[in-house]
Amino acid sequence: MKLKTIVVDDHAIVRRGIVQILSEHAGIDLIGEAGDYGQLRTLLRRSEEPDLLVIDVNLPGKDGIEILKTLLAELPRLKVLVVSMYPEEQYAVRAFRAGAAGYLNKAGAPEKLIDAVEQIANGRKYVTPEIAQALIENLNAPEQGLPHERLSDREFQTLRLIATGHRLADIAEALALSPKTVSVYRARILEKMGMENNAELTHYAIKHGLVE
């Protein structure tokens, strides 16, 4: 039985490349592709339930980790392979905590994408040596990592939006929260990371590759 697959990436060229690689695999049935969360929701309403979702972690309007949690709550049998331009140590642990079946850096060779899909199709997690090391370090020293690793997923999303120049009102709209709640998240972020203002948060996020 072929693996019914949907690809989600907001960069059309990258998405087309992923689709082309996957379409050459006899065990994959590509049933759709989307450029953002809204298009994905439309696809899910109109098509049959997918077996696999290949999704970018950085999508406009809604964070990929948040999407992952939402979809797995609705479709618990869905397998999700997260693809990202960000290094494994920055996002992989969060992705696996949210329920991802695999995490793949976009800089990897096309063969790695096929390898990841095949492992996931066989009921295994796709874990690279870099991810395995990040998971081990996270387990062994959960309180001693980088400052941003102390943040909750929602706080992490807020940090990234602040660092990309979004105002609190914009962040509130993007995360479907009240401006007051976003202000609370910002205060928590500053406290946990030992910083005083948005400029310091932005500098940190850029330095550690948390934003494009």
N, C-alpha and C. Protein backbone atom coordinates (compact mmCIF):
# COMPACT_ATOMS: atom_id res chain seq x y z
N MET A 1 0.84 -1.20 0.00
CA MET A 1 0.00 0.00 0.00
C MET A 1 0.87 1.25 0.00
N LYS A 2 0.56 2.19 -0.89
CA LYS A 2 1.34 3.41 -0.98
C LYS A 2 1.06 4.35 0.18
N LEU A 3 2.07 5.14 0.52
CA LEU A 3 1.97 6.09 1.62
C LEU A 3 1.37 7.39 1.10
N LYS A 4 0.13 7.68 1.51
CA LYS A 4 -0.54 8.91 1.07
C LYS A 4 0.14 10.10 1.75
N THR A 5 0.70 11.01 0.95
CA THR A 5 1.58 12.05 1.47
C THR A 5 1.18 13.44 1.02
N ILE A 6 1.29 14.40 1.95
CA ILE A 6 1.10 15.83 1.66
C ILE A 6 2.38 16.56 2.02
N VAL A 7 2.79 17.49 1.15
CA VAL A 7 3.99 18.30 1.39
C VAL A 7 3.58 19.74 1.65
N VAL A 8 4.12 20.32 2.72
CA VAL A 8 3.79 21.71 3.08
C VAL A 8 5.08 22.51 3.25
N ASP A 9 5.24 23.53 2.40
CA ASP A 9 6.40 24.43 2.51
C ASP A 9 6.01 25.73 1.82
N ASP A 10 6.33 26.86 2.45
CA ASP A 10 5.90 28.14 1.89
C ASP A 10 6.81 28.62 0.75
N HIS A 11 7.96 27.99 0.56
CA HIS A 11 8.83 28.33 -0.56
C HIS A 11 8.51 27.39 -1.73
N ALA A 12 7.94 27.95 -2.78
CA ALA A 12 7.45 27.13 -3.89
C ALA A 12 8.54 26.28 -4.53
N ILE A 13 9.74 26.84 -4.69
CA ILE A 13 10.82 26.10 -5.33
C ILE A 13 11.25 24.93 -4.46
N VAL A 14 11.38 25.19 -3.17
CA VAL A 14 11.77 24.12 -2.24
C VAL A 14 10.68 23.04 -2.21
N ARG A 15 9.44 23.48 -2.14
CA ARG A 15 8.32 22.52 -2.11
C ARG A 15 8.31 21.66 -3.37
N ARG A 16 8.54 22.30 -4.52
CA ARG A 16 8.55 21.55 -5.77
C ARG A 16 9.68 20.53 -5.78
N GLY A 17 10.83 20.90 -5.20
CA GLY A 17 11.95 19.96 -5.13
C GLY A 17 11.63 18.75 -4.28
N ILE A 18 10.98 18.99 -3.13
CA ILE A 18 10.59 17.88 -2.25
C ILE A 18 9.58 16.98 -2.95
N VAL A 19 8.61 17.60 -3.61
CA VAL A 19 7.59 16.84 -4.33
C VAL A 19 8.23 15.98 -5.42
N GLN A 20 9.18 16.56 -6.15
CA GLN A 20 9.82 15.82 -7.24
C GLN A 20 10.60 14.61 -6.70
N ILE A 21 11.32 14.81 -5.61
CA ILE A 21 12.08 13.71 -5.02
C ILE A 21 11.15 12.60 -4.57
N LEU A 22 10.08 12.97 -3.88
CA LEU A 22 9.16 11.97 -3.36
C LEU A 22 8.38 11.27 -4.47
N SER A 23 8.06 12.00 -5.54
CA SER A 23 7.26 11.41 -6.62
C SER A 23 8.00 10.31 -7.36
N GLU A 24 9.33 10.28 -7.21
CA GLU A 24 10.12 9.23 -7.87
C GLU A 24 10.15 7.94 -7.07
N HIS A 25 9.57 7.96 -5.88
CA HIS A 25 9.55 6.77 -5.03
C HIS A 25 8.25 6.00 -5.26
N ALA A 26 8.36 4.74 -5.59
CA ALA A 26 7.20 3.93 -5.94
C ALA A 26 6.23 3.73 -4.78
N GLY A 27 6.72 3.87 -3.55
CA GLY A 27 5.87 3.62 -2.39
C GLY A 27 5.13 4.83 -1.87
N ILE A 28 5.24 5.96 -2.58
CA ILE A 28 4.63 7.21 -2.11
C ILE A 28 3.56 7.67 -3.09
N ASP A 29 2.41 8.03 -2.55
CA ASP A 29 1.31 8.58 -3.34
C ASP A 29 1.09 10.02 -2.88
N LEU A 30 1.57 10.98 -3.68
CA LEU A 30 1.43 12.39 -3.33
C LEU A 30 0.00 12.84 -3.59
N ILE A 31 -0.72 13.15 -2.52
CA ILE A 31 -2.13 13.52 -2.68
C ILE A 31 -2.35 15.03 -2.59
N GLY A 32 -1.27 15.79 -2.37
CA GLY A 32 -1.44 17.24 -2.34
C GLY A 32 -0.22 17.96 -1.82
N GLU A 33 -0.21 19.28 -2.04
CA GLU A 33 0.84 20.13 -1.51
C GLU A 33 0.22 21.47 -1.13
N ALA A 34 0.86 22.14 -0.17
CA ALA A 34 0.33 23.40 0.33
C ALA A 34 1.46 24.35 0.67
N GLY A 35 1.14 25.66 0.61
CA GLY A 35 2.14 26.67 0.91
C GLY A 35 2.00 27.30 2.27
N ASP A 36 0.88 27.03 2.94
CA ASP A 36 0.68 27.57 4.29
C ASP A 36 -0.36 26.73 5.02
N TYR A 37 -0.64 27.10 6.27
CA TYR A 37 -1.54 26.32 7.10
C TYR A 37 -2.98 26.34 6.55
N GLY A 38 -3.40 27.49 6.03
CA GLY A 38 -4.75 27.58 5.49
C GLY A 38 -4.95 26.63 4.32
N GLN A 39 -3.98 26.58 3.41
CA GLN A 39 -4.07 25.66 2.28
C GLN A 39 -4.05 24.21 2.74
N LEU A 40 -3.28 23.94 3.78
CA LEU A 40 -3.23 22.57 4.32
C LEU A 40 -4.59 22.17 4.87
N ARG A 41 -5.22 23.07 5.63
CA ARG A 41 -6.54 22.75 6.19
C ARG A 41 -7.55 22.48 5.06
N THR A 42 -7.47 23.25 3.99
CA THR A 42 -8.37 23.03 2.85
C THR A 42 -8.12 21.66 2.23
N LEU A 43 -6.85 21.31 2.08
CA LEU A 43 -6.49 19.99 1.54
C LEU A 43 -7.04 18.87 2.39
N LEU A 44 -6.91 19.01 3.71
CA LEU A 44 -7.35 17.96 4.62
C LEU A 44 -8.87 17.78 4.57
N ARG A 45 -9.57 18.86 4.31
CA ARG A 45 -11.03 18.76 4.20
C ARG A 45 -11.46 18.09 2.90
N ARG A 46 -10.69 18.32 1.84
CA ARG A 46 -11.11 17.87 0.52
C ARG A 46 -10.56 16.51 0.11
N SER A 47 -9.44 16.11 0.71
CA SER A 47 -8.80 14.87 0.28
C SER A 47 -8.95 13.79 1.34
N GLU A 48 -8.53 12.59 0.99
CA GLU A 48 -8.55 11.51 1.96
C GLU A 48 -7.48 11.74 3.02
N GLU A 49 -7.64 11.11 4.16
CA GLU A 49 -6.71 11.32 5.26
C GLU A 49 -5.31 10.85 4.87
N PRO A 50 -4.29 11.70 5.03
CA PRO A 50 -2.93 11.31 4.67
C PRO A 50 -2.31 10.38 5.71
N ASP A 51 -1.31 9.64 5.25
CA ASP A 51 -0.51 8.82 6.16
C ASP A 51 0.70 9.59 6.65
N LEU A 52 1.21 10.47 5.77
CA LEU A 52 2.45 11.19 6.07
C LEU A 52 2.31 12.65 5.69
N LEU A 53 2.83 13.51 6.57
CA LEU A 53 2.89 14.93 6.29
C LEU A 53 4.37 15.35 6.35
N VAL A 54 4.86 15.93 5.25
CA VAL A 54 6.22 16.47 5.22
C VAL A 54 6.06 17.98 5.29
N ILE A 55 6.50 18.59 6.39
CA ILE A 55 6.16 19.98 6.65
C ILE A 55 7.35 20.80 7.14
N ASP A 56 7.43 22.02 6.64
CA ASP A 56 8.45 22.96 7.10
C ASP A 56 8.06 23.45 8.50
N VAL A 57 9.07 23.67 9.34
CA VAL A 57 8.79 24.13 10.69
C VAL A 57 8.48 25.62 10.72
N ASN A 58 8.84 26.34 9.67
CA ASN A 58 8.68 27.79 9.65
C ASN A 58 7.69 28.19 8.56
N LEU A 59 6.43 28.35 8.95
CA LEU A 59 5.38 28.71 8.00
C LEU A 59 4.77 30.06 8.36
N PRO A 60 4.31 30.83 7.36
CA PRO A 60 3.71 32.13 7.66
C PRO A 60 2.39 31.96 8.40
N GLY A 61 2.20 32.77 9.43
CA GLY A 61 0.92 32.80 10.13
C GLY A 61 0.76 31.81 11.25
N LYS A 62 1.48 30.71 11.21
CA LYS A 62 1.33 29.72 12.27
C LYS A 62 2.60 28.89 12.39
N ASP A 63 3.09 28.75 13.61
CA ASP A 63 4.33 28.03 13.85
C ASP A 63 4.18 26.54 13.54
N GLY A 64 5.21 25.96 12.92
CA GLY A 64 5.15 24.56 12.53
C GLY A 64 4.98 23.60 13.69
N ILE A 65 5.58 23.90 14.82
CA ILE A 65 5.45 23.04 16.00
C ILE A 65 4.01 23.08 16.51
N GLU A 66 3.40 24.26 16.47
CA GLU A 66 2.00 24.38 16.88
C GLU A 66 1.09 23.62 15.93
N ILE A 67 1.38 23.70 14.64
CA ILE A 67 0.61 22.95 13.64
C ILE A 67 0.72 21.45 13.92
N LEU A 68 1.92 21.02 14.21
CA LEU A 68 2.18 19.61 14.50
C LEU A 68 1.31 19.12 15.65
N LYS A 69 1.29 19.87 16.73
CA LYS A 69 0.48 19.48 17.90
C LYS A 69 -1.01 19.43 17.56
N THR A 70 -1.47 20.44 16.82
CA THR A 70 -2.89 20.51 16.46
C THR A 70 -3.30 19.33 15.59
N LEU A 71 -2.50 19.03 14.57
CA LEU A 71 -2.84 17.96 13.64
C LEU A 71 -2.81 16.58 14.31
N LEU A 72 -1.82 16.36 15.17
CA LEU A 72 -1.73 15.05 15.81
C LEU A 72 -2.85 14.85 16.83
N ALA A 73 -3.37 15.93 17.38
CA ALA A 73 -4.53 15.81 18.27
C ALA A 73 -5.76 15.39 17.48
N GLU A 74 -5.84 15.84 16.22
CA GLU A 74 -6.98 15.52 15.37
C GLU A 74 -6.79 14.20 14.63
N LEU A 75 -5.54 13.95 14.21
CA LEU A 75 -5.23 12.76 13.40
C LEU A 75 -4.10 11.98 14.07
N PRO A 76 -4.38 11.26 15.12
CA PRO A 76 -3.33 10.60 15.91
C PRO A 76 -2.50 9.57 15.14
N ARG A 77 -3.03 9.05 14.03
CA ARG A 77 -2.27 8.06 13.24
C ARG A 77 -1.34 8.71 12.22
N LEU A 78 -1.46 10.02 12.07
CA LEU A 78 -0.64 10.73 11.09
C LEU A 78 0.84 10.71 11.49
N LYS A 79 1.71 10.43 10.52
CA LYS A 79 3.14 10.51 10.73
C LYS A 79 3.64 11.82 10.14
N VAL A 80 4.47 12.53 10.90
CA VAL A 80 4.93 13.85 10.45
C VAL A 80 6.45 13.90 10.38
N LEU A 81 6.96 14.25 9.21
CA LEU A 81 8.39 14.49 9.02
C LEU A 81 8.58 16.00 8.91
N VAL A 82 9.29 16.57 9.86
CA VAL A 82 9.56 18.00 9.86
C VAL A 82 10.83 18.27 9.07
N VAL A 83 10.76 19.19 8.12
CA VAL A 83 11.94 19.60 7.37
C VAL A 83 12.20 21.07 7.68
N SER A 84 13.47 21.44 7.77
CA SER A 84 13.78 22.80 8.18
C SER A 84 15.16 23.21 7.71
N MET A 85 15.33 24.52 7.56
CA MET A 85 16.65 25.06 7.25
C MET A 85 17.47 25.22 8.53
N TYR A 86 16.79 25.11 9.68
CA TYR A 86 17.47 25.30 10.95
C TYR A 86 18.22 24.04 11.37
N PRO A 87 19.38 24.19 12.03
CA PRO A 87 20.15 23.03 12.48
C PRO A 87 19.33 22.17 13.45
N GLU A 88 19.65 20.89 13.46
CA GLU A 88 18.92 19.94 14.29
C GLU A 88 18.88 20.34 15.75
N GLU A 89 20.00 20.87 16.26
CA GLU A 89 20.06 21.17 17.68
C GLU A 89 19.13 22.32 18.08
N GLN A 90 18.66 23.11 17.10
CA GLN A 90 17.79 24.24 17.43
C GLN A 90 16.32 23.84 17.54
N TYR A 91 15.86 22.91 16.72
CA TYR A 91 14.44 22.62 16.66
C TYR A 91 14.05 21.16 16.83
N ALA A 92 14.97 20.24 16.62
CA ALA A 92 14.61 18.83 16.58
C ALA A 92 13.99 18.34 17.89
N VAL A 93 14.58 18.74 19.01
CA VAL A 93 14.05 18.28 20.30
C VAL A 93 12.61 18.73 20.48
N ARG A 94 12.32 19.99 20.15
CA ARG A 94 10.94 20.49 20.25
C ARG A 94 10.01 19.73 19.31
N ALA A 95 10.49 19.44 18.11
CA ALA A 95 9.66 18.72 17.15
C ALA A 95 9.31 17.33 17.65
N PHE A 96 10.29 16.61 18.19
CA PHE A 96 10.02 15.26 18.70
C PHE A 96 9.12 15.30 19.93
N ARG A 97 9.30 16.29 20.78
CA ARG A 97 8.42 16.43 21.93
C ARG A 97 6.97 16.66 21.50
N ALA A 98 6.80 17.35 20.38
CA ALA A 98 5.46 17.63 19.87
C ALA A 98 4.84 16.45 19.14
N GLY A 99 5.65 15.40 18.90
CA GLY A 99 5.11 14.20 18.27
C GLY A 99 5.62 13.89 16.89
N ALA A 100 6.63 14.60 16.41
CA ALA A 100 7.17 14.33 15.08
C ALA A 100 7.77 12.93 15.00
N ALA A 101 7.69 12.36 13.81
CA ALA A 101 8.30 11.04 13.58
C ALA A 101 9.70 11.18 13.03
N GLY A 102 10.07 12.38 12.59
CA GLY A 102 11.40 12.59 12.06
C GLY A 102 11.67 14.07 11.86
N TYR A 103 12.95 14.41 11.78
CA TYR A 103 13.36 15.80 11.56
C TYR A 103 14.52 15.77 10.57
N LEU A 104 14.42 16.61 9.54
CA LEU A 104 15.42 16.59 8.47
C LEU A 104 15.83 18.01 8.12
N ASN A 105 17.14 18.25 8.07
CA ASN A 105 17.66 19.54 7.65
C ASN A 105 17.60 19.62 6.12
N LYS A 106 17.11 20.76 5.60
CA LYS A 106 16.97 20.92 4.15
C LYS A 106 18.30 20.89 3.42
N ALA A 107 19.38 21.10 4.15
CA ALA A 107 20.69 21.09 3.51
C ALA A 107 21.18 19.67 3.20
N GLY A 108 20.45 18.68 3.68
CA GLY A 108 20.85 17.30 3.48
C GLY A 108 20.65 16.83 2.04
N ALA A 109 21.27 15.72 1.71
CA ALA A 109 21.16 15.15 0.36
C ALA A 109 19.75 14.60 0.13
N PRO A 110 19.29 14.59 -1.14
CA PRO A 110 17.95 14.06 -1.45
C PRO A 110 17.74 12.63 -0.93
N GLU A 111 18.82 11.84 -0.93
CA GLU A 111 18.70 10.46 -0.47
C GLU A 111 18.25 10.38 1.00
N LYS A 112 18.62 11.40 1.78
CA LYS A 112 18.23 11.41 3.18
C LYS A 112 16.72 11.58 3.34
N LEU A 113 16.11 12.33 2.44
CA LEU A 113 14.66 12.50 2.48
C LEU A 113 13.97 11.16 2.26
N ILE A 114 14.42 10.41 1.26
CA ILE A 114 13.84 9.10 0.98
C ILE A 114 14.09 8.15 2.15
N ASP A 115 15.29 8.19 2.69
CA ASP A 115 15.63 7.34 3.84
C ASP A 115 14.71 7.65 5.02
N ALA A 116 14.48 8.94 5.26
CA ALA A 116 13.62 9.34 6.37
C ALA A 116 12.19 8.83 6.17
N VAL A 117 11.67 9.00 4.97
CA VAL A 117 10.30 8.55 4.68
C VAL A 117 10.19 7.03 4.83
N GLU A 118 11.17 6.30 4.33
CA GLU A 118 11.12 4.84 4.43
C GLU A 118 11.17 4.37 5.88
N GLN A 119 12.00 4.99 6.69
CA GLN A 119 12.07 4.61 8.10
C GLN A 119 10.75 4.89 8.80
N ILE A 120 10.19 6.05 8.53
CA ILE A 120 8.91 6.41 9.15
C ILE A 120 7.80 5.47 8.68
N ALA A 121 7.82 5.12 7.40
CA ALA A 121 6.80 4.20 6.86
C ALA A 121 6.88 2.84 7.52
N ASN A 122 8.08 2.46 7.96
CA ASN A 122 8.28 1.17 8.64
C ASN A 122 8.06 1.24 10.14
N GLY A 123 7.52 2.37 10.60
CA GLY A 123 7.16 2.49 12.00
C GLY A 123 8.27 2.94 12.92
N ARG A 124 9.38 3.42 12.33
CA ARG A 124 10.50 3.88 13.15
C ARG A 124 10.60 5.40 13.12
N LYS A 125 11.31 5.96 14.09
CA LYS A 125 11.61 7.38 14.09
C LYS A 125 12.85 7.60 13.21
N TYR A 126 12.88 8.74 12.52
CA TYR A 126 14.07 9.07 11.76
C TYR A 126 14.91 10.02 12.60
N VAL A 127 16.04 9.52 13.07
CA VAL A 127 16.91 10.29 13.96
C VAL A 127 18.33 10.28 13.40
N THR A 128 18.84 11.45 13.05
CA THR A 128 20.22 11.55 12.57
C THR A 128 21.16 11.53 13.78
N PRO A 129 22.44 11.29 13.56
CA PRO A 129 23.40 11.34 14.68
C PRO A 129 23.36 12.68 15.41
N GLU A 130 23.16 13.78 14.66
CA GLU A 130 23.10 15.11 15.27
C GLU A 130 21.90 15.23 16.19
N ILE A 131 20.76 14.68 15.75
CA ILE A 131 19.55 14.72 16.57
C ILE A 131 19.71 13.84 17.80
N ALA A 132 20.29 12.67 17.60
CA ALA A 132 20.51 11.76 18.73
C ALA A 132 21.36 12.43 19.80
N GLN A 133 22.40 13.14 19.37
CA GLN A 133 23.26 13.84 20.32
C GLN A 133 22.49 14.94 21.04
N ALA A 134 21.67 15.70 20.28
CA ALA A 134 20.88 16.78 20.89
C ALA A 134 19.88 16.22 21.91
N LEU A 135 19.27 15.07 21.58
CA LEU A 135 18.31 14.46 22.50
C LEU A 135 19.00 13.98 23.77
N ILE A 136 20.17 13.39 23.63
CA ILE A 136 20.91 12.90 24.79
C ILE A 136 21.32 14.06 25.68
N GLU A 137 21.83 15.13 25.07
CA GLU A 137 22.24 16.29 25.85
C GLU A 137 21.05 16.92 26.56
N ASN A 138 19.91 16.94 25.89
CA ASN A 138 18.72 17.52 26.49
C ASN A 138 18.23 16.70 27.67
N LEU A 139 18.34 15.38 27.57
CA LEU A 139 17.93 14.51 28.66
C LEU A 139 18.88 14.59 29.85
N ASN A 140 20.14 14.66 29.55
CA ASN A 140 21.15 14.66 30.61
C ASN A 140 21.29 15.99 31.32
N ALA A 141 21.00 17.08 30.62
CA ALA A 141 21.19 18.39 31.24
C ALA A 141 20.08 19.35 30.83
N PRO A 142 18.83 19.04 31.21
CA PRO A 142 17.70 19.85 30.77
C PRO A 142 17.73 21.28 31.29
N GLU A 143 18.41 21.52 32.40
CA GLU A 143 18.42 22.86 32.97
C GLU A 143 19.70 23.62 32.64
N GLN A 144 20.62 23.00 31.90
CA GLN A 144 21.92 23.62 31.71
C GLN A 144 22.19 23.99 30.26
N GLY A 145 21.18 23.97 29.43
CA GLY A 145 21.39 24.29 28.03
C GLY A 145 21.39 25.78 27.79
N LEU A 146 21.23 26.17 26.52
CA LEU A 146 21.17 27.57 26.16
C LEU A 146 19.89 28.21 26.70
N PRO A 147 19.90 29.52 26.90
CA PRO A 147 18.73 30.18 27.50
C PRO A 147 17.41 29.91 26.79
N HIS A 148 17.43 29.87 25.45
CA HIS A 148 16.15 29.67 24.75
C HIS A 148 15.58 28.27 24.95
N GLU A 149 16.42 27.33 25.38
CA GLU A 149 15.93 25.97 25.61
C GLU A 149 15.08 25.88 26.88
N ARG A 150 15.11 26.91 27.70
CA ARG A 150 14.29 26.93 28.90
C ARG A 150 12.86 27.40 28.62
N LEU A 151 12.64 27.90 27.41
CA LEU A 151 11.33 28.46 27.07
C LEU A 151 10.33 27.37 26.71
N SER A 152 9.07 27.63 27.03
CA SER A 152 8.01 26.74 26.56
C SER A 152 7.86 26.94 25.06
N ASP A 153 7.11 26.05 24.40
CA ASP A 153 6.92 26.19 22.96
C ASP A 153 6.26 27.53 22.60
N ARG A 154 5.26 27.94 23.39
CA ARG A 154 4.58 29.20 23.11
C ARG A 154 5.52 30.39 23.33
N GLU A 155 6.32 30.33 24.36
CA GLU A 155 7.30 31.40 24.60
C GLU A 155 8.33 31.43 23.47
N PHE A 156 8.73 30.26 23.00
CA PHE A 156 9.69 30.17 21.91
C PHE A 156 9.12 30.78 20.64
N GLN A 157 7.87 30.52 20.36
CA GLN A 157 7.20 31.13 19.20
C GLN A 157 7.20 32.65 19.34
N THR A 158 6.88 33.12 20.54
CA THR A 158 6.83 34.56 20.79
C THR A 158 8.21 35.19 20.60
N LEU A 159 9.24 34.52 21.09
CA LEU A 159 10.61 35.01 20.91
C LEU A 159 10.93 35.18 19.44
N ARG A 160 10.61 34.19 18.64
CA ARG A 160 10.93 34.25 17.22
C ARG A 160 10.17 35.39 16.52
N LEU A 161 8.94 35.61 16.91
CA LEU A 161 8.15 36.69 16.31
C LEU A 161 8.69 38.06 16.73
N ILE A 162 9.08 38.19 17.99
CA ILE A 162 9.69 39.44 18.44
C ILE A 162 10.97 39.70 17.65
N ALA A 163 11.76 38.66 17.48
CA ALA A 163 13.06 38.79 16.81
C ALA A 163 12.93 39.12 15.33
N THR A 164 11.78 38.83 14.75
CA THR A 164 11.58 39.16 13.33
C THR A 164 10.81 40.48 13.16
N GLY A 165 10.74 41.26 14.26
CA GLY A 165 10.21 42.62 14.16
C GLY A 165 8.72 42.78 14.32
N HIS A 166 8.02 41.75 14.75
CA HIS A 166 6.58 41.86 14.93
C HIS A 166 6.25 42.64 16.20
N ARG A 167 5.22 43.48 16.11
CA ARG A 167 4.72 44.19 17.29
C ARG A 167 3.90 43.23 18.14
N LEU A 168 3.68 43.59 19.41
CA LEU A 168 2.91 42.73 20.30
C LEU A 168 1.51 42.46 19.75
N ALA A 169 0.91 43.48 19.15
CA ALA A 169 -0.44 43.31 18.59
C ALA A 169 -0.43 42.29 17.45
N ASP A 170 0.63 42.35 16.63
CA ASP A 170 0.76 41.39 15.52
C ASP A 170 0.97 39.97 16.04
N ILE A 171 1.78 39.87 17.10
CA ILE A 171 2.05 38.56 17.69
C ILE A 171 0.77 37.99 18.29
N ALA A 172 0.01 38.84 18.95
CA ALA A 172 -1.25 38.40 19.54
C ALA A 172 -2.19 37.85 18.48
N GLU A 173 -2.26 38.54 17.35
CA GLU A 173 -3.13 38.08 16.25
C GLU A 173 -2.62 36.77 15.66
N ALA A 174 -1.31 36.68 15.46
CA ALA A 174 -0.72 35.48 14.86
C ALA A 174 -0.92 34.25 15.74
N LEU A 175 -0.85 34.43 17.06
CA LEU A 175 -0.96 33.30 17.98
C LEU A 175 -2.36 33.14 18.57
N ALA A 176 -3.29 34.00 18.11
CA ALA A 176 -4.67 33.95 18.61
C ALA A 176 -4.71 34.13 20.13
N LEU A 177 -3.97 35.13 20.61
CA LEU A 177 -3.92 35.44 22.03
C LEU A 177 -4.26 36.92 22.23
N SER A 178 -4.52 37.30 23.47
CA SER A 178 -4.74 38.71 23.77
C SER A 178 -3.39 39.41 23.89
N PRO A 179 -3.33 40.71 23.57
CA PRO A 179 -2.07 41.45 23.74
C PRO A 179 -1.53 41.36 25.16
N LYS A 180 -2.42 41.32 26.14
CA LYS A 180 -1.99 41.22 27.53
C LYS A 180 -1.25 39.91 27.77
N THR A 181 -1.78 38.81 27.21
CA THR A 181 -1.13 37.51 27.36
C THR A 181 0.24 37.50 26.70
N VAL A 182 0.34 38.12 25.53
CA VAL A 182 1.62 38.19 24.84
C VAL A 182 2.62 38.99 25.67
N SER A 183 2.16 40.05 26.32
CA SER A 183 3.03 40.84 27.19
C SER A 183 3.56 40.00 28.34
N VAL A 184 2.71 39.12 28.86
CA VAL A 184 3.14 38.22 29.93
C VAL A 184 4.21 37.26 29.42
N TYR A 185 4.00 36.71 28.21
CA TYR A 185 4.99 35.82 27.62
C TYR A 185 6.32 36.54 27.43
N ARG A 186 6.24 37.78 26.94
CA ARG A 186 7.46 38.55 26.72
C ARG A 186 8.22 38.75 28.03
N ALA A 187 7.49 39.08 29.08
CA ALA A 187 8.13 39.28 30.38
C ALA A 187 8.79 37.99 30.87
N ARG A 188 8.13 36.85 30.66
CA ARG A 188 8.70 35.56 31.06
C ARG A 188 9.96 35.25 30.27
N ILE A 189 9.90 35.56 28.97
CA ILE A 189 11.06 35.31 28.10
C ILE A 189 12.26 36.11 28.58
N LEU A 190 12.04 37.40 28.83
CA LEU A 190 13.13 38.27 29.29
C LEU A 190 13.71 37.76 30.60
N GLU A 191 12.83 37.33 31.50
CA GLU A 191 13.28 36.84 32.80
C GLU A 191 14.08 35.54 32.66
N LYS A 192 13.54 34.59 31.89
CA LYS A 192 14.20 33.30 31.75
C LYS A 192 15.54 33.42 31.04
N MET A 193 15.63 34.38 30.11
CA MET A 193 16.85 34.50 29.32
C MET A 193 17.81 35.55 29.88
N GLY A 194 17.40 36.21 30.96
CA GLY A 194 18.27 37.19 31.59
C GLY A 194 18.55 38.40 30.73
N MET A 195 17.54 38.85 29.99
CA MET A 195 17.70 40.00 29.09
C MET A 195 16.74 41.11 29.47
N GLU A 196 16.96 42.29 28.88
CA GLU A 196 16.21 43.46 29.31
C GLU A 196 15.27 44.04 28.26
N ASN A 197 15.52 43.76 27.00
CA ASN A 197 14.68 44.38 25.97
C ASN A 197 14.65 43.55 24.69
N ASN A 198 13.81 44.00 23.74
CA ASN A 198 13.64 43.28 22.48
C ASN A 198 14.91 43.25 21.64
N ALA A 199 15.70 44.31 21.74
CA ALA A 199 16.94 44.35 20.95
C ALA A 199 17.88 43.22 21.36
N GLU A 200 17.98 42.96 22.66
CA GLU A 200 18.83 41.87 23.12
C GLU A 200 18.29 40.52 22.68
N LEU A 201 16.96 40.37 22.73
CA LEU A 201 16.34 39.13 22.27
C LEU A 201 16.60 38.91 20.78
N THR A 202 16.48 39.97 19.99
CA THR A 202 16.69 39.88 18.55
C THR A 202 18.14 39.51 18.23
N HIS A 203 19.06 40.16 18.90
CA HIS A 203 20.49 39.86 18.70
C HIS A 203 20.77 38.39 19.03
N TYR A 204 20.21 37.92 20.13
CA TYR A 204 20.42 36.52 20.55
C TYR A 204 19.85 35.56 19.51
N ALA A 205 18.63 35.84 19.05
CA ALA A 205 17.97 34.95 18.09
C ALA A 205 18.74 34.85 16.79
N ILE A 206 19.25 35.97 16.32
CA ILE A 206 20.03 35.97 15.07
C ILE A 206 21.34 35.22 15.28
N LYS A 207 22.01 35.49 16.39
CA LYS A 207 23.29 34.86 16.69
C LYS A 207 23.18 33.35 16.75
N HIS A 208 22.06 32.85 17.29
CA HIS A 208 21.89 31.40 17.48
C HIS A 208 21.07 30.75 16.37
N GLY A 209 20.82 31.49 15.28
CA GLY A 209 20.15 30.90 14.13
C GLY A 209 18.70 30.51 14.37
N LEU A 210 17.99 31.26 15.22
CA LEU A 210 16.60 30.93 15.53
C LEU A 210 15.63 31.57 14.55
N VAL A 211 16.12 32.53 13.77
CA VAL A 211 15.29 33.20 12.76
C VAL A 211 16.08 33.28 11.47
N GLU A 212 15.37 33.45 10.37
CA GLU A 212 16.02 33.54 9.07
C GLU A 212 16.71 34.90 8.92
